[in-house]
N, C-alpha and C. Protein backbone atom coordinates (compact mmCIF):
# COMPACT_ATOMS: atom_id res chain seq x y z
N MET A 1 -12.63 -24.32 11.56
CA MET A 1 -11.51 -23.81 11.06
C MET A 1 -11.61 -23.08 10.05
N LEU A 2 -10.47 -22.73 9.72
CA LEU A 2 -9.44 -21.64 8.72
C LEU A 2 -8.70 -22.48 8.06
N THR A 3 -8.56 -22.41 6.63
CA THR A 3 -7.84 -22.66 5.80
C THR A 3 -7.49 -21.79 4.96
N ARG A 4 -6.23 -21.88 4.26
CA ARG A 4 -5.87 -21.25 2.94
C ARG A 4 -5.94 -22.43 2.35
N LEU A 5 -6.52 -21.78 0.89
CA LEU A 5 -6.58 -22.89 -0.02
C LEU A 5 -5.94 -22.76 -0.62
N LEU A 6 -5.27 -24.06 -1.75
CA LEU A 6 -4.86 -24.53 -2.71
C LEU A 6 -5.12 -23.65 -3.97
N PRO A 7 -4.03 -23.50 -5.40
CA PRO A 7 -5.13 -23.06 -6.17
C PRO A 7 -5.84 -24.13 -7.02
N ASP A 8 -5.54 -25.52 -6.58
CA ASP A 8 -6.45 -26.62 -7.06
C ASP A 8 -8.07 -26.32 -6.43
N GLN A 9 -7.70 -26.23 -5.02
CA GLN A 9 -9.29 -25.94 -4.53
C GLN A 9 -9.24 -24.94 -4.45
N ILE A 10 -8.79 -23.63 -5.16
CA ILE A 10 -9.94 -22.71 -5.37
C ILE A 10 -10.52 -23.18 -7.18
N ALA A 11 -9.82 -23.27 -7.65
CA ALA A 11 -10.48 -23.93 -9.10
C ALA A 11 -12.01 -24.74 -8.77
N LYS A 12 -11.68 -25.49 -7.87
CA LYS A 12 -12.94 -26.65 -7.77
C LYS A 12 -14.32 -26.30 -7.16
N PHE A 13 -13.67 -25.13 -5.74
CA PHE A 13 -14.59 -24.33 -5.39
C PHE A 13 -15.81 -23.16 -5.83
N TRP A 14 -15.11 -22.95 -6.95
CA TRP A 14 -15.19 -21.65 -7.63
C TRP A 14 -16.54 -20.95 -7.73
N PRO A 15 -17.17 -22.20 -7.80
CA PRO A 15 -18.57 -21.01 -7.98
C PRO A 15 -19.21 -20.74 -6.35
N ILE A 16 -18.60 -21.57 -5.25
CA ILE A 16 -19.16 -20.94 -4.15
C ILE A 16 -18.23 -19.87 -3.87
N ILE A 17 -17.11 -19.62 -4.11
CA ILE A 17 -15.78 -18.60 -3.80
C ILE A 17 -16.88 -17.35 -4.97
N LYS A 18 -17.04 -17.70 -6.29
CA LYS A 18 -17.26 -16.43 -7.24
C LYS A 18 -18.09 -16.09 -6.00
N TYR A 19 -19.38 -16.74 -5.50
CA TYR A 19 -20.66 -15.91 -5.22
C TYR A 19 -20.28 -14.73 -3.77
N ALA A 20 -19.44 -15.43 -3.19
CA ALA A 20 -19.06 -14.70 -1.97
C ALA A 20 -18.12 -13.74 -2.47
N VAL A 21 -17.40 -13.58 -3.60
CA VAL A 21 -16.60 -12.44 -3.61
C VAL A 21 -17.37 -11.33 -4.48
N GLU A 22 -18.15 -11.92 -4.76
CA GLU A 22 -19.48 -11.17 -5.75
C GLU A 22 -20.55 -10.38 -4.80
N GLU A 23 -20.93 -10.90 -3.74
CA GLU A 23 -21.23 -10.09 -2.29
C GLU A 23 -20.73 -9.36 -1.51
N SER A 24 -18.88 -9.28 -1.04
CA SER A 24 -18.50 -8.54 -0.46
C SER A 24 -17.27 -7.97 -1.31
N LEU A 25 -17.28 -7.64 -2.19
CA LEU A 25 -15.88 -7.18 -2.78
C LEU A 25 -15.73 -5.80 -2.68
N PRO A 26 -14.83 -5.06 -1.93
CA PRO A 26 -14.60 -3.68 -1.25
C PRO A 26 -15.20 -2.88 -2.22
N PRO A 27 -15.16 -1.40 -1.88
CA PRO A 27 -15.10 -0.21 -2.25
C PRO A 27 -14.35 0.09 -3.41
N ILE A 28 -13.29 -0.75 -3.64
CA ILE A 28 -11.88 -0.17 -4.45
C ILE A 28 -12.83 -0.71 -5.90
N VAL A 29 -13.06 -1.39 -5.90
CA VAL A 29 -13.32 -2.17 -7.09
C VAL A 29 -14.49 -1.98 -8.26
N GLY A 30 -13.82 -1.14 -9.22
CA GLY A 30 -15.23 -0.86 -9.98
C GLY A 30 -15.64 -1.66 -11.37
N GLU A 31 -16.50 -1.11 -12.29
CA GLU A 31 -17.14 -2.08 -13.26
C GLU A 31 -16.08 -2.41 -14.17
N HIS A 32 -16.11 -3.49 -14.35
CA HIS A 32 -15.01 -4.28 -15.15
C HIS A 32 -15.78 -5.71 -15.88
N PRO A 33 -16.16 -5.52 -16.72
CA PRO A 33 -17.08 -6.72 -17.52
C PRO A 33 -15.67 -7.98 -17.36
N ASP A 34 -15.20 -8.21 -17.08
CA ASP A 34 -13.70 -9.26 -16.76
C ASP A 34 -13.63 -9.22 -15.40
N LYS A 35 -14.22 -8.39 -14.28
CA LYS A 35 -13.21 -8.63 -13.02
C LYS A 35 -13.41 -9.90 -12.20
N MET A 36 -14.64 -10.86 -12.67
CA MET A 36 -14.38 -12.00 -11.91
C MET A 36 -13.42 -13.06 -12.75
N ASN A 37 -12.80 -12.98 -13.85
CA ASN A 37 -12.02 -13.97 -14.53
C ASN A 37 -10.62 -13.05 -13.73
N ARG A 38 -10.70 -12.13 -13.76
CA ARG A 38 -9.66 -11.21 -13.34
C ARG A 38 -8.92 -11.90 -11.83
N MET A 39 -10.27 -11.46 -10.74
CA MET A 39 -10.03 -11.97 -9.78
C MET A 39 -9.77 -13.75 -9.67
N LEU A 40 -10.24 -14.40 -10.25
CA LEU A 40 -9.63 -15.20 -10.21
C LEU A 40 -8.41 -15.47 -10.62
N SER A 41 -8.19 -15.20 -11.61
CA SER A 41 -6.96 -15.09 -11.83
C SER A 41 -5.77 -15.04 -11.00
N ALA A 42 -6.08 -13.56 -10.05
CA ALA A 42 -5.01 -13.23 -8.91
C ALA A 42 -5.35 -14.31 -7.77
N MET A 43 -6.51 -15.28 -7.71
CA MET A 43 -6.20 -16.34 -6.65
C MET A 43 -5.30 -17.19 -6.86
N LEU A 44 -5.62 -17.91 -8.28
CA LEU A 44 -4.61 -18.36 -8.51
C LEU A 44 -3.37 -18.55 -9.06
N SER A 45 -3.00 -17.25 -9.10
CA SER A 45 -1.13 -16.97 -9.06
C SER A 45 -1.00 -16.52 -7.96
N GLY A 46 -1.63 -16.39 -6.70
CA GLY A 46 -1.41 -16.39 -5.30
C GLY A 46 -1.37 -14.50 -4.74
N LYS A 47 -1.68 -13.95 -5.77
CA LYS A 47 -1.72 -12.54 -5.53
C LYS A 47 -2.55 -12.16 -4.68
N LEU A 48 -3.80 -13.05 -4.88
CA LEU A 48 -5.34 -12.47 -3.31
C LEU A 48 -4.42 -14.17 -3.07
N GLU A 49 -5.29 -14.32 -1.84
CA GLU A 49 -5.37 -15.33 -1.15
C GLU A 49 -6.76 -15.87 -0.78
N VAL A 50 -7.17 -17.03 -0.91
CA VAL A 50 -8.48 -17.38 -0.21
C VAL A 50 -8.35 -18.39 0.91
N TRP A 51 -9.18 -18.17 2.15
CA TRP A 51 -9.11 -18.73 3.09
C TRP A 51 -10.64 -19.09 2.72
N ALA A 52 -11.12 -20.27 3.81
CA ALA A 52 -12.39 -21.06 4.08
C ALA A 52 -12.17 -21.36 5.43
N SER A 53 -13.76 -20.87 5.94
CA SER A 53 -13.85 -21.44 7.32
C SER A 53 -14.95 -21.78 7.47
N TYR A 54 -14.35 -23.06 8.02
CA TYR A 54 -15.78 -24.44 7.81
C TYR A 54 -15.85 -25.15 8.95
N LYS A 55 -16.43 -26.17 10.02
CA LYS A 55 -17.30 -26.85 10.88
C LYS A 55 -17.24 -28.17 10.45
N LYS A 56 -16.01 -29.32 11.17
CA LYS A 56 -16.24 -30.19 11.28
C LYS A 56 -17.78 -31.32 11.98
N PRO A 57 -17.89 -31.92 11.96
CA PRO A 57 -17.04 -33.27 11.03
C PRO A 57 -17.77 -33.00 9.63
N ASN A 58 -18.90 -31.74 9.00
CA ASN A 58 -19.76 -31.99 7.70
C ASN A 58 -18.81 -31.25 6.45
N ASN A 59 -17.83 -30.66 6.85
CA ASN A 59 -16.75 -29.72 5.88
C ASN A 59 -17.75 -28.56 5.39
N LYS A 60 -18.49 -27.93 5.92
CA LYS A 60 -19.42 -27.21 4.98
C LYS A 60 -18.50 -26.06 5.39
N PHE A 61 -18.88 -24.70 4.13
CA PHE A 61 -17.89 -23.44 4.14
C PHE A 61 -18.95 -23.03 4.84
N GLU A 62 -18.86 -22.14 6.42
CA GLU A 62 -19.20 -21.41 7.00
C GLU A 62 -18.77 -19.37 6.32
N ALA A 63 -17.60 -19.56 6.01
CA ALA A 63 -17.35 -18.04 5.30
C ALA A 63 -16.38 -18.45 4.44
N ILE A 64 -15.91 -16.92 3.76
CA ILE A 64 -14.58 -17.05 3.15
C ILE A 64 -14.21 -15.78 3.32
N VAL A 65 -12.58 -15.62 3.00
CA VAL A 65 -12.15 -14.45 3.33
C VAL A 65 -11.16 -14.20 2.49
N VAL A 66 -11.44 -13.48 1.18
CA VAL A 66 -10.10 -13.53 0.56
C VAL A 66 -9.12 -12.04 0.85
N THR A 67 -7.98 -12.32 1.10
CA THR A 67 -6.50 -11.43 1.58
C THR A 67 -6.22 -10.98 0.53
N GLN A 68 -4.84 -9.77 0.83
CA GLN A 68 -3.74 -9.25 0.04
C GLN A 68 -2.71 -8.94 0.97
N PHE A 69 -1.65 -8.88 0.24
CA PHE A 69 -0.82 -8.05 1.38
C PHE A 69 -0.58 -7.19 0.52
N LEU A 70 -0.50 -6.04 1.08
CA LEU A 70 -0.36 -4.31 0.61
C LEU A 70 1.48 -4.01 1.35
N TYR A 71 1.77 -3.45 0.46
CA TYR A 71 3.26 -2.67 0.99
C TYR A 71 3.04 -1.27 0.48
N ASP A 72 3.11 -0.73 1.53
CA ASP A 72 3.39 1.24 1.58
C ASP A 72 4.82 1.38 1.52
N GLU A 73 5.14 1.79 0.55
CA GLU A 73 6.77 1.78 0.35
C GLU A 73 7.35 3.38 0.84
N ALA A 74 6.59 3.99 0.76
CA ALA A 74 7.06 5.52 1.15
C ALA A 74 6.89 5.25 3.06
N SER A 75 6.57 4.47 3.68
CA SER A 75 7.15 3.72 4.88
C SER A 75 7.66 2.40 5.31
N ASN A 76 7.51 1.68 4.13
CA ASN A 76 8.02 0.22 4.14
C ASN A 76 7.64 -0.55 4.98
N THR A 77 6.24 -0.29 4.98
CA THR A 77 5.35 -1.02 5.51
C THR A 77 4.67 -2.12 4.97
N ARG A 78 4.68 -3.10 5.35
CA ARG A 78 3.37 -4.44 4.82
C ARG A 78 2.26 -4.52 5.57
N ASN A 79 1.48 -4.72 5.44
CA ASN A 79 -0.10 -4.81 5.62
C ASN A 79 -0.65 -6.21 5.25
N PHE A 80 -1.54 -6.66 5.98
CA PHE A 80 -2.40 -7.76 5.52
C PHE A 80 -3.88 -7.41 5.44
N LEU A 81 -4.86 -7.09 4.41
CA LEU A 81 -5.72 -6.62 4.41
C LEU A 81 -6.40 -7.56 3.37
N LEU A 82 -8.09 -7.92 4.63
CA LEU A 82 -8.92 -8.64 3.89
C LEU A 82 -9.69 -7.93 3.34
N TYR A 83 -9.63 -8.65 2.30
CA TYR A 83 -9.87 -7.82 0.93
C TYR A 83 -10.86 -8.31 0.94
N CYS A 84 -11.76 -9.23 1.46
CA CYS A 84 -13.30 -9.15 1.26
C CYS A 84 -13.54 -10.40 2.15
N LEU A 85 -14.59 -9.99 2.84
CA LEU A 85 -15.54 -11.75 4.12
C LEU A 85 -16.91 -11.78 3.91
N TYR A 86 -17.10 -12.97 3.36
CA TYR A 86 -18.27 -13.20 3.21
C TYR A 86 -19.14 -14.53 4.45
N GLY A 87 -19.62 -14.30 4.83
CA GLY A 87 -20.16 -15.32 5.92
C GLY A 87 -21.65 -16.29 5.23
N TYR A 88 -21.76 -17.27 4.88
CA TYR A 88 -22.85 -17.78 4.79
C TYR A 88 -23.71 -18.24 5.24
N GLU A 89 -23.56 -18.29 6.23
CA GLU A 89 -24.36 -18.21 7.87
C GLU A 89 -23.90 -17.24 8.73
N GLN A 90 -24.85 -17.47 9.86
CA GLN A 90 -24.52 -16.66 11.30
C GLN A 90 -22.66 -17.28 11.62
N ILE A 91 -22.22 -16.81 12.07
CA ILE A 91 -20.81 -17.39 12.04
C ILE A 91 -20.95 -16.87 14.00
N ASP A 92 -20.69 -18.34 15.07
CA ASP A 92 -20.05 -18.03 15.95
C ASP A 92 -19.36 -17.49 16.71
N SER A 93 -18.99 -17.06 18.13
CA SER A 93 -17.74 -16.11 18.72
C SER A 93 -16.77 -16.99 18.23
N ALA A 94 -16.63 -18.00 18.41
CA ALA A 94 -15.80 -19.21 18.34
C ALA A 94 -14.91 -18.91 17.17
N SER A 95 -16.06 -19.16 16.14
CA SER A 95 -15.00 -19.15 14.83
C SER A 95 -14.49 -17.57 14.63
N TRP A 96 -14.92 -16.86 14.76
CA TRP A 96 -14.63 -15.20 14.86
C TRP A 96 -13.29 -15.49 15.82
N THR A 97 -13.38 -14.98 16.75
CA THR A 97 -11.80 -15.87 17.29
C THR A 97 -11.09 -16.36 16.92
N GLU A 98 -10.80 -17.78 16.08
CA GLU A 98 -10.40 -18.83 15.87
C GLU A 98 -10.14 -18.02 14.63
N GLY A 99 -10.72 -17.86 14.02
CA GLY A 99 -10.32 -16.72 12.20
C GLY A 99 -8.86 -16.02 12.78
N TRP A 100 -9.61 -14.89 13.50
CA TRP A 100 -8.89 -13.49 13.71
C TRP A 100 -7.62 -13.67 14.04
N ILE A 101 -7.52 -15.39 15.24
CA ILE A 101 -6.00 -15.27 16.02
C ILE A 101 -5.31 -16.08 14.20
N ALA A 102 -5.84 -17.02 14.00
CA ALA A 102 -5.20 -17.64 12.51
C ALA A 102 -4.61 -16.57 11.84
N LEU A 103 -5.37 -15.97 11.18
CA LEU A 103 -4.58 -14.49 10.62
C LEU A 103 -4.13 -13.80 11.35
N ALA A 104 -4.17 -13.57 12.13
CA ALA A 104 -2.66 -12.84 12.97
C ALA A 104 -1.72 -13.28 13.02
N LYS A 105 -1.72 -14.66 13.29
CA LYS A 105 -0.57 -15.63 13.19
C LYS A 105 0.26 -15.72 11.58
N TYR A 106 -0.92 -15.70 10.90
CA TYR A 106 0.06 -15.76 9.32
C TYR A 106 0.76 -14.97 8.99
N ALA A 107 -0.55 -13.66 9.54
CA ALA A 107 0.22 -12.10 8.86
C ALA A 107 1.65 -11.65 9.79
N LYS A 108 1.62 -12.17 10.49
CA LYS A 108 2.72 -11.80 11.72
C LYS A 108 3.74 -12.60 11.36
N ALA A 109 3.71 -13.92 10.76
CA ALA A 109 4.79 -14.45 10.33
C ALA A 109 5.22 -14.44 8.95
N LYS A 110 4.48 -13.64 7.99
CA LYS A 110 4.89 -12.77 6.94
C LYS A 110 4.99 -11.15 7.10
N GLY A 111 5.59 -10.75 8.10
CA GLY A 111 6.49 -9.92 8.22
C GLY A 111 5.41 -8.79 8.46
N CYS A 112 3.98 -8.80 8.59
CA CYS A 112 3.05 -7.47 8.30
C CYS A 112 3.11 -6.83 10.03
N HIS A 113 2.84 -5.61 9.39
CA HIS A 113 2.61 -4.74 11.01
C HIS A 113 1.03 -4.75 11.30
N SER A 114 0.17 -5.13 10.28
CA SER A 114 -1.26 -4.76 10.59
C SER A 114 -2.16 -5.97 9.90
N ILE A 115 -3.25 -6.18 10.34
CA ILE A 115 -4.26 -6.23 9.88
C ILE A 115 -5.56 -4.93 8.71
N MET A 116 -5.71 -5.22 7.52
CA MET A 116 -6.88 -4.02 7.69
C MET A 116 -7.65 -4.59 7.01
N ALA A 117 -8.92 -3.82 6.93
CA ALA A 117 -10.28 -4.44 6.14
C ALA A 117 -11.13 -3.05 6.21
N TYR A 118 -11.85 -3.36 5.17
CA TYR A 118 -12.83 -2.33 4.71
C TYR A 118 -14.36 -2.78 5.14
N THR A 119 -14.57 -2.11 5.68
CA THR A 119 -16.08 -2.93 6.16
C THR A 119 -17.49 -1.87 6.75
N ALA A 120 -18.80 -1.76 6.29
CA ALA A 120 -19.69 -1.08 6.84
C ALA A 120 -20.03 -2.16 8.00
N ASN A 121 -19.85 -3.25 8.15
CA ASN A 121 -20.59 -3.95 8.77
C ASN A 121 -20.61 -3.87 10.39
N ALA A 122 -21.69 -3.33 11.09
CA ALA A 122 -21.37 -3.20 12.28
C ALA A 122 -20.66 -3.92 13.42
N HIS A 123 -21.04 -5.21 13.39
CA HIS A 123 -20.76 -6.65 13.74
C HIS A 123 -19.37 -6.41 13.60
N LEU A 124 -19.12 -6.15 12.57
CA LEU A 124 -17.32 -6.61 11.82
C LEU A 124 -16.83 -5.71 12.96
N ILE A 125 -17.05 -3.95 13.22
CA ILE A 125 -16.90 -2.86 13.42
C ILE A 125 -16.16 -3.07 15.01
N ASP A 126 -17.61 -3.89 15.48
CA ASP A 126 -17.42 -4.16 16.95
C ASP A 126 -16.10 -4.80 17.25
N LEU A 127 -16.04 -5.91 16.62
CA LEU A 127 -15.57 -7.10 16.60
C LEU A 127 -13.75 -6.18 16.79
N ALA A 128 -13.97 -5.95 15.74
CA ALA A 128 -12.60 -5.48 15.61
C ALA A 128 -11.75 -4.43 17.10
N LYS A 129 -12.71 -3.41 17.19
CA LYS A 129 -12.69 -2.90 18.25
C LYS A 129 -12.11 -3.79 19.74
N LEU A 130 -13.03 -4.88 19.88
CA LEU A 130 -12.51 -6.11 20.76
C LEU A 130 -11.49 -6.14 20.87
N TYR A 131 -10.93 -6.41 19.23
CA TYR A 131 -9.40 -6.89 19.32
C TYR A 131 -8.29 -5.51 19.81
N GLY A 132 -9.01 -4.63 19.60
CA GLY A 132 -7.97 -3.48 20.03
C GLY A 132 -7.03 -2.99 18.87
N GLY A 133 -8.72 -3.07 17.34
CA GLY A 133 -8.52 -2.65 16.50
C GLY A 133 -8.39 -0.64 16.41
N ASN A 134 -7.76 -0.21 15.76
CA ASN A 134 -8.11 1.29 15.36
C ASN A 134 -9.71 1.28 14.28
N THR A 135 -10.25 2.27 14.52
CA THR A 135 -12.00 2.20 13.89
C THR A 135 -12.47 3.85 13.55
N ASP A 136 -11.16 4.78 13.95
CA ASP A 136 -11.16 6.30 13.75
C ASP A 136 -11.21 6.32 12.64
N TYR A 137 -10.69 5.58 11.81
CA TYR A 137 -10.84 6.73 10.22
C TYR A 137 -12.29 6.10 9.52
N THR A 138 -12.46 6.90 8.06
CA THR A 138 -13.59 6.95 7.50
C THR A 138 -13.13 6.95 6.41
N PHE A 139 -13.76 5.79 5.46
CA PHE A 139 -12.97 5.43 4.01
C PHE A 139 -14.01 6.22 3.48
N ILE A 140 -13.28 6.80 2.23
CA ILE A 140 -13.95 7.85 1.71
C ILE A 140 -13.26 7.76 0.08
N SER A 141 -14.85 7.16 -0.68
CA SER A 141 -14.68 6.99 -2.19
C SER A 141 -15.90 7.59 -3.07
N LEU A 142 -14.70 8.88 -4.07
CA LEU A 142 -14.99 9.91 -4.40
C LEU A 142 -15.19 9.28 -6.19
N ASP A 143 -16.84 8.84 -6.38
CA ASP A 143 -17.00 8.61 -8.00
C ASP A 143 -16.69 9.48 -8.96
N LEU A 144 -15.83 9.08 -9.70
CA LEU A 144 -15.18 10.79 -10.37
C LEU A 144 -16.04 10.39 -11.62
N ASP A 145 -16.53 9.79 -12.57
CA ASP A 145 -17.68 9.91 -13.31
C ASP A 145 -18.62 11.30 -12.54
N ARG A 146 -19.07 11.45 -11.41
CA ARG A 146 -20.00 11.72 -10.57
C ARG A 146 -19.59 13.31 -10.41
N LEU A 147 -18.15 13.18 -9.69
CA LEU A 147 -17.21 14.19 -9.67
C LEU A 147 -17.23 15.59 -10.51
N ILE A 148 -17.00 14.50 -11.85
CA ILE A 148 -16.79 15.44 -12.87
C ILE A 148 -17.30 15.28 -14.09
N PRO A 149 -18.29 16.36 -14.18
CA PRO A 149 -19.55 16.53 -15.14
C PRO A 149 -18.87 16.22 -16.86
N LYS A 150 -19.31 15.05 -17.21
CA LYS A 150 -19.29 14.77 -18.67
C LYS A 150 -19.71 15.96 -19.82
N ARG A 151 -18.82 16.24 -20.42
CA ARG A 151 -19.31 17.20 -21.41
C ARG A 151 -19.89 16.76 -22.48
N SER A 152 -20.57 17.66 -23.21
CA SER A 152 -21.57 17.06 -24.60
C SER A 152 -20.81 17.23 -25.69
């Protein structure tokens, strides 16, 4: 079962969520000494949303998904970004399917055009293809400190 967590639940489960986020941050995040405090602040304020996947009856988390709405002003397009995704254990295909459908329904209800994600995980890429996702593009990230040599 996939459930969006409320701010008090995010605060309560922060150590578990923090670990998942640290293990799955997207390649757009740089190194900042306060980045995890900023992540928590964004989650508590609703800029980032946190979802927990768990199974009954023990309600143990099997995965954490952090999402964000992205708006492209030039095209007036709203998208739903899977900012980061972390599984604590092997996740069965029924849970994946349930999660994708729940997120898709939520995104559609919020006026989004599509769900987007960053991943290097082959299984997630295969799942995206299975659901008709476009995986033709490659994410490119150039480290400016490596690209532009420092002057002495």
